[in-house]
Each structure stands twice: as structure tokens, then as C-alpha cells.
């Protein structure tokens, strides 16, 4: 029983678990911020244009049954505005150079069989040159300086 408790404690207090928990909390806070911007600012701009902040009053009737098309339109517009705000924020953060937007994941080096980043061009263990699986456009100018390197062709 003690070993089980020790294993669980190591798992729960390990770096990856705490990173995940902090990431989840920050993600929830960020989602609230983005939703608030979309709802309280952008949807109010919709209200200024159309005279109402939502379309909940738009109802179609089919055989005496009300179909709440307005509520759906309000939710759809809110979603699209939230996605637009999120896209703009991520693009701004990426352009500012803040954050890690590199490819995530690992793959096996074909020479030494150790794991390296999926977009690595040199193995950090055996220093062999390996072909990157994913290549960002920002990496190409650096790679073009390497002798013998050719731009990958589109398949």
C-alpha cells in the first residue's frame, strides 16, 4: 500500500502533471477572457448594427412547433466572433515572438534510435543530420545556408 501511495504521489506531483494543471487553469482563464471580449464588445457591435445584441426573438414555426433559429444564429455568431478573436490573439502573440509555436512531439533518430523533436534537423544525441518531418517557413532561410541542402518538393 505504501508503494502504491508513493507511486501516486510521484505521479501527481511530477512536473508534467503540474504543468498540465497550470495549463488547464490558464486555458480556462484565457477562454473566459476571449468569451468576454466576443460577448461584451463584439456582440455589442452587432447590437449597434442590427439594433439587438442577439437574435433570440427570431422564431420560425413549422406545423405549430417553434424553431428557435434566432438562438442558433446568436450562438453561431458568438462562436465565430470568439474564434476570430482567438485567431487574432494567437497571430499577434506569434508575430511578437512570444511563446513556443514549434511542432510538438518526438520521433526516433534513424541512426542512434534516441528520441528527438519532430522538426529536428540534427540529432541532439549523435549529431547526425536528419530530415525534418515538419518544416516551418521560418526555418528555410537558415537551412538554405547549409551546404547541400535542398528545399523539399511538394508531393
N, C-alpha and C. Protein backbone atom coordinates (compact mmCIF):
# COMPACT_ATOMS: atom_id res chain seq x y z
N UNK A 1 0.83 -1.19 0.00
CA UNK A 1 0.00 0.00 0.00
C UNK A 1 0.87 1.25 0.00
N UNK A 2 1.98 1.21 0.72
CA UNK A 2 2.88 2.36 0.79
C UNK A 2 3.50 2.63 -0.58
N UNK A 3 3.87 1.58 -1.29
CA UNK A 3 4.46 1.75 -2.62
C UNK A 3 3.44 2.37 -3.57
N UNK A 4 2.19 1.93 -3.50
CA UNK A 4 1.14 2.48 -4.33
C UNK A 4 0.97 3.97 -4.05
N UNK A 5 0.94 4.35 -2.77
CA UNK A 5 0.81 5.75 -2.39
C UNK A 5 2.01 6.56 -2.89
N UNK A 6 3.19 6.03 -2.76
CA UNK A 6 4.40 6.71 -3.22
C UNK A 6 4.37 6.91 -4.73
N UNK A 7 3.96 5.88 -5.46
CA UNK A 7 3.87 6.00 -6.92
C UNK A 7 2.84 7.04 -7.33
N UNK A 8 1.69 7.02 -6.65
CA UNK A 8 0.67 8.01 -6.96
C UNK A 8 1.15 9.42 -6.65
N UNK A 9 1.80 9.59 -5.50
CA UNK A 9 2.30 10.91 -5.12
C UNK A 9 3.33 11.41 -6.13
N UNK A 10 4.21 10.53 -6.58
CA UNK A 10 5.20 10.92 -7.59
C UNK A 10 4.52 11.32 -8.90
N UNK A 11 3.48 10.58 -9.27
CA UNK A 11 2.74 10.89 -10.48
C UNK A 11 2.02 12.24 -10.36
N UNK A 12 1.31 12.42 -9.26
CA UNK A 12 0.50 13.63 -9.07
C UNK A 12 1.36 14.88 -8.91
N UNK A 13 2.51 14.74 -8.29
CA UNK A 13 3.37 15.90 -8.05
C UNK A 13 4.49 16.03 -9.07
N UNK A 14 4.47 15.16 -10.08
CA UNK A 14 5.50 15.24 -11.12
C UNK A 14 5.37 16.50 -11.94
N UNK A 15 6.43 16.89 -12.58
CA UNK A 15 6.46 18.12 -13.35
C UNK A 15 5.41 18.16 -14.45
N UNK A 16 5.20 17.07 -15.15
CA UNK A 16 4.24 17.07 -16.24
C UNK A 16 2.82 17.28 -15.74
N UNK A 17 2.47 16.68 -14.61
CA UNK A 17 1.12 16.83 -14.08
C UNK A 17 0.89 18.26 -13.62
N UNK A 18 1.85 18.87 -12.96
CA UNK A 18 1.69 20.25 -12.53
C UNK A 18 1.64 21.19 -13.72
N UNK A 19 2.44 20.93 -14.74
CA UNK A 19 2.40 21.75 -15.95
C UNK A 19 1.02 21.64 -16.60
N UNK A 20 0.49 20.44 -16.65
CA UNK A 20 -0.83 20.22 -17.23
C UNK A 20 -1.90 20.96 -16.44
N UNK A 21 -1.83 20.87 -15.12
CA UNK A 21 -2.82 21.55 -14.28
C UNK A 21 -2.74 23.07 -14.46
N UNK A 22 -1.54 23.60 -14.46
CA UNK A 22 -1.39 25.05 -14.66
C UNK A 22 -1.86 25.46 -16.05
N UNK A 23 -1.54 24.66 -17.04
CA UNK A 23 -2.00 24.95 -18.39
C UNK A 23 -3.52 24.95 -18.50
N UNK A 24 -4.15 24.00 -17.82
CA UNK A 24 -5.61 23.92 -17.83
C UNK A 24 -6.22 25.15 -17.17
N UNK A 25 -5.67 25.56 -16.03
CA UNK A 25 -6.18 26.73 -15.32
C UNK A 25 -5.99 27.99 -16.16
N UNK A 26 -4.83 28.15 -16.75
CA UNK A 26 -4.57 29.31 -17.60
C UNK A 26 -5.47 29.28 -18.84
N UNK A 27 -5.69 28.11 -19.40
CA UNK A 27 -6.57 27.98 -20.56
C UNK A 27 -8.00 28.38 -20.22
N UNK A 28 -8.47 27.96 -19.05
CA UNK A 28 -9.83 28.33 -18.63
C UNK A 28 -9.95 29.83 -18.43
N UNK A 29 -8.95 30.44 -17.82
CA UNK A 29 -8.96 31.89 -17.62
C UNK A 29 -8.91 32.62 -18.96
N UNK A 30 -8.08 32.13 -19.86
CA UNK A 30 -7.95 32.74 -21.18
C UNK A 30 -9.25 32.60 -21.96
N UNK A 31 -9.90 31.44 -21.86
CA UNK A 31 -11.18 31.23 -22.54
C UNK A 31 -12.22 32.21 -22.03
N UNK A 32 -12.23 32.46 -20.73
CA UNK A 32 -13.16 33.45 -20.17
C UNK A 32 -12.90 34.84 -20.71
N UNK A 33 -11.63 35.18 -20.85
CA UNK A 33 -11.26 36.49 -21.40
C UNK A 33 -11.72 36.63 -22.85
N UNK A 34 -11.46 35.62 -23.66
CA UNK A 34 -11.84 35.66 -25.07
C UNK A 34 -13.36 35.70 -25.22
N UNK A 35 -14.07 34.88 -24.44
CA UNK A 35 -15.53 34.88 -24.50
C UNK A 35 -16.10 36.22 -24.08
N UNK A 36 -15.51 36.84 -23.06
CA UNK A 36 -15.97 38.14 -22.61
C UNK A 36 -15.77 39.20 -23.69
N UNK A 37 -14.63 39.18 -24.33
CA UNK A 37 -14.37 40.14 -25.41
C UNK A 37 -15.37 39.96 -26.54
N UNK A 38 -15.61 38.72 -26.92
CA UNK A 38 -16.56 38.47 -28.01
C UNK A 38 -17.99 38.85 -27.61
N UNK A 39 -18.38 38.50 -26.40
CA UNK A 39 -19.76 38.74 -25.96
C UNK A 39 -20.01 40.21 -25.60
N UNK A 40 -19.10 40.79 -24.83
CA UNK A 40 -19.34 42.13 -24.30
C UNK A 40 -18.89 43.26 -25.21
N UNK A 41 -18.04 42.97 -26.17
CA UNK A 41 -17.59 44.03 -27.08
C UNK A 41 -18.11 43.77 -28.49
N UNK A 42 -17.74 42.64 -29.06
CA UNK A 42 -18.10 42.39 -30.45
C UNK A 42 -19.60 42.18 -30.64
N UNK A 43 -20.25 41.44 -29.75
CA UNK A 43 -21.70 41.26 -29.88
C UNK A 43 -22.44 42.58 -29.65
N UNK A 44 -21.86 43.49 -28.89
CA UNK A 44 -22.46 44.81 -28.72
C UNK A 44 -22.34 45.62 -30.00
N UNK A 45 -21.27 45.35 -30.77
CA UNK A 45 -21.17 45.98 -32.10
C UNK A 45 -22.26 45.43 -33.02
N UNK A 46 -22.56 44.16 -32.89
CA UNK A 46 -23.68 43.58 -33.64
C UNK A 46 -24.98 44.26 -33.22
N UNK A 47 -25.13 44.53 -31.94
CA UNK A 47 -26.32 45.21 -31.45
C UNK A 47 -26.41 46.62 -32.02
N UNK A 48 -25.26 47.29 -32.14
CA UNK A 48 -25.27 48.65 -32.70
C UNK A 48 -25.69 48.62 -34.17
N UNK A 49 -25.33 47.57 -34.88
CA UNK A 49 -25.64 47.47 -36.31
C UNK A 49 -27.09 47.01 -36.53
N UNK A 50 -27.49 45.96 -35.82
CA UNK A 50 -28.81 45.36 -36.05
C UNK A 50 -29.87 45.79 -35.05
N UNK A 51 -29.49 46.54 -34.02
CA UNK A 51 -30.46 47.03 -33.05
C UNK A 51 -30.71 46.09 -31.89
N UNK A 52 -30.14 44.91 -31.89
CA UNK A 52 -30.31 43.95 -30.79
C UNK A 52 -29.03 43.13 -30.65
N UNK A 53 -28.61 42.82 -29.40
CA UNK A 53 -27.37 42.06 -29.23
C UNK A 53 -27.51 40.58 -29.53
N UNK A 54 -28.74 40.13 -29.76
CA UNK A 54 -28.94 38.73 -30.14
C UNK A 54 -30.17 38.62 -31.02
N UNK A 55 -30.34 37.45 -31.56
CA UNK A 55 -31.45 37.20 -32.47
C UNK A 55 -32.42 36.19 -31.87
N UNK A 56 -32.50 36.16 -30.55
CA UNK A 56 -33.32 35.16 -29.87
C UNK A 56 -34.80 35.29 -30.20
N UNK A 57 -35.24 36.46 -30.64
CA UNK A 57 -36.66 36.66 -30.95
C UNK A 57 -37.05 36.10 -32.31
N UNK A 58 -36.08 35.71 -33.13
CA UNK A 58 -36.39 35.15 -34.45
C UNK A 58 -36.79 33.69 -34.26
N UNK A 59 -38.03 33.42 -34.56
CA UNK A 59 -38.57 32.07 -34.39
C UNK A 59 -39.35 31.71 -35.64
N UNK A 60 -39.08 30.56 -36.18
CA UNK A 60 -39.86 30.03 -37.30
C UNK A 60 -40.83 29.01 -36.73
N UNK A 61 -41.97 28.92 -37.36
CA UNK A 61 -42.93 27.92 -36.92
C UNK A 61 -43.16 26.92 -38.04
N UNK A 62 -43.13 25.67 -37.67
CA UNK A 62 -43.36 24.58 -38.61
C UNK A 62 -44.41 23.66 -38.01
N UNK A 63 -45.59 23.66 -38.60
CA UNK A 63 -46.71 22.86 -38.08
C UNK A 63 -47.00 23.19 -36.62
N UNK A 64 -46.95 24.48 -36.29
CA UNK A 64 -47.25 24.92 -34.93
C UNK A 64 -46.13 24.72 -33.93
N UNK A 65 -44.98 24.20 -34.38
CA UNK A 65 -43.85 23.97 -33.49
C UNK A 65 -42.81 25.08 -33.69
N UNK A 66 -42.46 25.81 -32.63
CA UNK A 66 -41.48 26.89 -32.80
C UNK A 66 -40.07 26.33 -32.99
N UNK A 67 -39.38 26.87 -33.98
CA UNK A 67 -37.98 26.50 -34.25
C UNK A 67 -37.14 27.73 -33.91
N UNK A 68 -36.30 27.60 -32.92
CA UNK A 68 -35.53 28.72 -32.39
C UNK A 68 -34.31 29.02 -33.26
N UNK A 69 -34.53 29.45 -34.46
CA UNK A 69 -33.43 29.73 -35.37
C UNK A 69 -32.61 30.94 -34.90
N UNK A 70 -33.25 31.88 -34.24
CA UNK A 70 -32.54 33.07 -33.74
C UNK A 70 -31.53 32.74 -32.67
N UNK A 71 -31.89 31.84 -31.75
CA UNK A 71 -30.95 31.43 -30.70
C UNK A 71 -29.75 30.74 -31.32
N UNK A 72 -29.99 29.92 -32.36
CA UNK A 72 -28.90 29.26 -33.05
C UNK A 72 -28.00 30.29 -33.74
N UNK A 73 -28.60 31.27 -34.42
CA UNK A 73 -27.81 32.32 -35.08
C UNK A 73 -26.97 33.10 -34.08
N UNK A 74 -27.54 33.40 -32.93
CA UNK A 74 -26.79 34.12 -31.89
C UNK A 74 -25.60 33.30 -31.43
N UNK A 75 -25.81 32.02 -31.18
CA UNK A 75 -24.71 31.14 -30.76
C UNK A 75 -23.67 31.00 -31.85
N UNK A 76 -24.10 30.87 -33.10
CA UNK A 76 -23.17 30.76 -34.22
C UNK A 76 -22.32 32.01 -34.37
N UNK A 77 -22.95 33.17 -34.32
CA UNK A 77 -22.20 34.42 -34.45
C UNK A 77 -21.25 34.60 -33.28
N UNK A 78 -21.70 34.26 -32.08
CA UNK A 78 -20.83 34.34 -30.91
C UNK A 78 -19.62 33.43 -31.06
N UNK A 79 -19.85 32.20 -31.55
CA UNK A 79 -18.75 31.27 -31.77
C UNK A 79 -17.78 31.81 -32.80
N UNK A 80 -18.29 32.31 -33.92
CA UNK A 80 -17.42 32.83 -34.97
C UNK A 80 -16.61 34.03 -34.48
N UNK A 81 -17.24 34.91 -33.72
CA UNK A 81 -16.51 36.06 -33.19
C UNK A 81 -15.46 35.62 -32.17
N UNK A 82 -15.79 34.64 -31.33
CA UNK A 82 -14.82 34.12 -30.38
C UNK A 82 -13.64 33.49 -31.10
N UNK A 83 -13.91 32.71 -32.15
CA UNK A 83 -12.83 32.10 -32.93
C UNK A 83 -11.98 33.17 -33.60
N UNK A 84 -12.61 34.22 -34.11
CA UNK A 84 -11.87 35.31 -34.74
C UNK A 84 -10.96 36.02 -33.74
N UNK A 85 -11.48 36.29 -32.56
CA UNK A 85 -10.66 36.93 -31.51
C UNK A 85 -9.51 36.03 -31.12
N UNK A 86 -9.77 34.75 -30.93
CA UNK A 86 -8.72 33.81 -30.56
C UNK A 86 -7.66 33.73 -31.64
N UNK A 87 -8.07 33.65 -32.90
CA UNK A 87 -7.12 33.61 -34.01
C UNK A 87 -6.26 34.88 -34.03
N UNK A 88 -6.89 36.03 -33.84
CA UNK A 88 -6.14 37.30 -33.85
C UNK A 88 -5.14 37.36 -32.70
N UNK A 89 -5.54 36.89 -31.52
CA UNK A 89 -4.63 36.90 -30.37
C UNK A 89 -3.44 35.97 -30.59
N UNK A 90 -3.71 34.77 -31.10
CA UNK A 90 -2.62 33.82 -31.35
C UNK A 90 -1.69 34.36 -32.43
N UNK A 91 -2.25 34.95 -33.48
CA UNK A 91 -1.42 35.52 -34.54
C UNK A 91 -0.55 36.66 -34.01
N UNK A 92 -1.12 37.49 -33.13
CA UNK A 92 -0.36 38.60 -32.56
C UNK A 92 0.76 38.09 -31.65
N UNK A 93 0.46 37.08 -30.85
CA UNK A 93 1.48 36.51 -29.96
C UNK A 93 2.58 35.86 -30.77
N UNK A 94 2.20 35.15 -31.84
CA UNK A 94 3.19 34.50 -32.69
C UNK A 94 4.07 35.54 -33.39
N UNK A 95 3.44 36.61 -33.88
CA UNK A 95 4.19 37.66 -34.57
C UNK A 95 5.15 38.37 -33.61
N UNK A 96 4.73 38.51 -32.36
CA UNK A 96 5.58 39.15 -31.35
C UNK A 96 6.74 38.25 -30.93
N UNK A 97 6.67 36.98 -31.30
CA UNK A 97 7.75 36.05 -30.96
C UNK A 97 7.69 35.53 -29.54
N UNK A 98 6.54 35.66 -28.92
CA UNK A 98 6.36 35.18 -27.56
C UNK A 98 5.71 33.80 -27.62
N UNK A 99 6.17 32.89 -26.83
CA UNK A 99 5.56 31.57 -26.78
C UNK A 99 6.28 30.58 -27.68
N UNK A 100 5.94 29.32 -27.50
CA UNK A 100 6.55 28.24 -28.25
C UNK A 100 5.54 27.72 -29.26
N UNK A 101 5.74 28.06 -30.52
CA UNK A 101 4.83 27.62 -31.56
C UNK A 101 5.50 26.60 -32.47
N UNK A 102 6.50 25.95 -31.97
CA UNK A 102 7.19 24.91 -32.74
C UNK A 102 6.34 23.64 -32.75
N UNK A 103 6.67 22.76 -33.63
CA UNK A 103 5.97 21.49 -33.70
C UNK A 103 6.19 20.73 -32.40
N UNK A 104 5.15 20.09 -31.93
CA UNK A 104 5.24 19.33 -30.70
C UNK A 104 5.32 17.85 -31.04
N UNK A 105 6.00 17.11 -30.23
CA UNK A 105 6.10 15.68 -30.42
C UNK A 105 7.53 15.25 -30.65
N UNK A 106 7.71 13.95 -30.70
CA UNK A 106 9.04 13.39 -30.88
C UNK A 106 8.99 12.28 -31.92
N UNK A 107 10.15 11.98 -32.45
CA UNK A 107 10.31 10.85 -33.34
C UNK A 107 11.67 10.24 -33.06
N UNK A 108 11.90 9.07 -33.61
CA UNK A 108 13.14 8.35 -33.36
C UNK A 108 14.19 8.73 -34.39
N UNK A 109 15.40 8.99 -33.93
CA UNK A 109 16.52 9.25 -34.84
C UNK A 109 16.82 7.95 -35.59
N UNK A 110 16.95 7.99 -36.92
CA UNK A 110 17.20 6.76 -37.67
C UNK A 110 18.59 6.17 -37.43
N UNK A 111 19.49 6.96 -36.84
CA UNK A 111 20.86 6.48 -36.65
C UNK A 111 21.08 5.91 -35.25
N UNK A 112 20.73 6.69 -34.21
CA UNK A 112 21.02 6.21 -32.85
C UNK A 112 19.78 5.71 -32.11
N UNK A 113 18.60 5.88 -32.70
CA UNK A 113 17.34 5.40 -32.15
C UNK A 113 16.90 6.13 -30.88
N UNK A 114 17.50 7.29 -30.60
CA UNK A 114 17.05 8.12 -29.49
C UNK A 114 15.93 9.03 -29.99
N UNK A 115 15.13 9.55 -29.07
CA UNK A 115 14.02 10.41 -29.47
C UNK A 115 14.49 11.85 -29.57
N UNK A 116 14.07 12.51 -30.67
CA UNK A 116 14.38 13.92 -30.90
C UNK A 116 13.07 14.62 -31.28
N UNK A 117 13.10 15.96 -31.29
CA UNK A 117 11.92 16.74 -31.68
C UNK A 117 11.52 16.39 -33.10
N UNK A 118 10.24 16.46 -33.38
CA UNK A 118 9.74 16.04 -34.68
C UNK A 118 10.28 16.91 -35.81
N UNK A 119 10.63 18.16 -35.52
CA UNK A 119 11.13 19.04 -36.56
C UNK A 119 12.64 19.23 -36.49
N UNK A 120 13.33 18.35 -35.77
CA UNK A 120 14.79 18.45 -35.64
C UNK A 120 15.47 18.16 -36.97
N UNK A 121 16.57 18.88 -37.22
CA UNK A 121 17.35 18.62 -38.43
C UNK A 121 18.69 18.00 -38.08
N UNK A 122 19.06 18.06 -36.79
CA UNK A 122 20.27 17.42 -36.29
C UNK A 122 19.91 16.71 -34.99
N UNK A 123 20.31 15.46 -34.86
CA UNK A 123 20.04 14.70 -33.64
C UNK A 123 20.87 15.27 -32.50
N UNK A 124 20.24 15.53 -31.37
CA UNK A 124 20.96 16.09 -30.23
C UNK A 124 21.82 15.05 -29.52
N UNK A 125 21.62 13.78 -29.84
CA UNK A 125 22.38 12.72 -29.19
C UNK A 125 23.62 12.32 -29.99
N UNK A 126 23.41 12.01 -31.27
CA UNK A 126 24.53 11.52 -32.08
C UNK A 126 25.02 12.56 -33.09
N UNK A 127 24.36 13.72 -33.14
CA UNK A 127 24.68 14.85 -34.03
C UNK A 127 24.60 14.49 -35.51
N UNK A 128 23.86 13.46 -35.87
CA UNK A 128 23.65 13.12 -37.28
C UNK A 128 22.60 14.07 -37.86
N UNK A 129 22.77 14.38 -39.14
CA UNK A 129 21.78 15.20 -39.82
C UNK A 129 20.60 14.31 -40.21
N UNK A 130 19.39 14.77 -39.88
CA UNK A 130 18.19 14.02 -40.20
C UNK A 130 17.22 14.95 -40.92
N UNK A 131 16.39 14.37 -41.76
CA UNK A 131 15.40 15.16 -42.48
C UNK A 131 14.27 15.53 -41.54
N UNK A 132 13.88 16.80 -41.50
CA UNK A 132 12.76 17.18 -40.63
C UNK A 132 11.45 16.69 -41.21
N UNK A 133 10.57 16.24 -40.33
CA UNK A 133 9.25 15.80 -40.76
C UNK A 133 8.39 17.02 -41.05
N UNK A 134 8.42 17.99 -40.15
CA UNK A 134 7.68 19.23 -40.31
C UNK A 134 8.67 20.36 -40.44
N UNK A 135 8.46 21.24 -41.38
CA UNK A 135 9.39 22.31 -41.63
C UNK A 135 8.61 23.61 -41.71
N UNK A 136 8.93 24.56 -40.83
CA UNK A 136 8.29 25.86 -40.86
C UNK A 136 8.97 26.74 -41.89
N UNK A 137 8.22 27.66 -42.44
CA UNK A 137 8.78 28.58 -43.44
C UNK A 137 9.92 29.41 -42.84
N UNK A 138 9.85 29.68 -41.54
CA UNK A 138 10.91 30.48 -40.91
C UNK A 138 12.22 29.72 -40.79
N UNK A 139 12.18 28.39 -40.90
CA UNK A 139 13.40 27.58 -40.83
C UNK A 139 14.16 27.53 -42.16
N UNK A 140 13.46 27.75 -43.25
CA UNK A 140 14.06 27.57 -44.58
C UNK A 140 15.26 28.48 -44.82
N UNK A 141 15.21 29.79 -44.48
CA UNK A 141 16.41 30.61 -44.71
C UNK A 141 17.65 30.10 -43.97
N UNK A 142 17.47 29.55 -42.78
CA UNK A 142 18.60 29.00 -42.03
C UNK A 142 19.14 27.74 -42.71
N UNK A 143 18.22 26.91 -43.19
CA UNK A 143 18.64 25.66 -43.81
C UNK A 143 19.28 25.88 -45.18
N UNK A 144 18.87 26.92 -45.89
CA UNK A 144 19.43 27.18 -47.21
C UNK A 144 20.92 27.54 -47.14
N UNK A 145 21.37 27.96 -45.96
CA UNK A 145 22.79 28.28 -45.78
C UNK A 145 23.64 27.03 -45.62
N UNK A 146 23.00 25.89 -45.33
CA UNK A 146 23.76 24.65 -45.16
C UNK A 146 24.16 24.10 -46.51
N UNK A 147 25.41 23.70 -46.67
CA UNK A 147 25.83 23.16 -47.96
C UNK A 147 25.11 21.86 -48.29
N UNK A 148 24.62 21.77 -49.53
CA UNK A 148 23.98 20.54 -49.98
C UNK A 148 22.51 20.42 -49.62
N UNK A 149 21.96 21.40 -48.88
CA UNK A 149 20.56 21.31 -48.50
C UNK A 149 19.69 21.79 -49.66
N UNK A 150 18.62 21.05 -49.95
CA UNK A 150 17.68 21.42 -51.00
C UNK A 150 16.31 21.56 -50.40
N UNK A 151 15.56 22.51 -50.93
CA UNK A 151 14.19 22.72 -50.48
C UNK A 151 13.35 21.49 -50.83
N UNK A 152 12.58 20.98 -49.86
CA UNK A 152 11.74 19.81 -50.16
C UNK A 152 10.69 20.16 -51.22
N UNK A 153 10.39 19.20 -52.07
CA UNK A 153 9.39 19.42 -53.11
C UNK A 153 8.03 19.00 -52.57
N UNK A 154 7.00 19.66 -53.09
CA UNK A 154 5.63 19.33 -52.70
C UNK A 154 5.23 18.03 -53.38
N UNK A 155 4.60 17.16 -52.64
CA UNK A 155 4.17 15.87 -53.21
C UNK A 155 2.83 15.99 -53.86
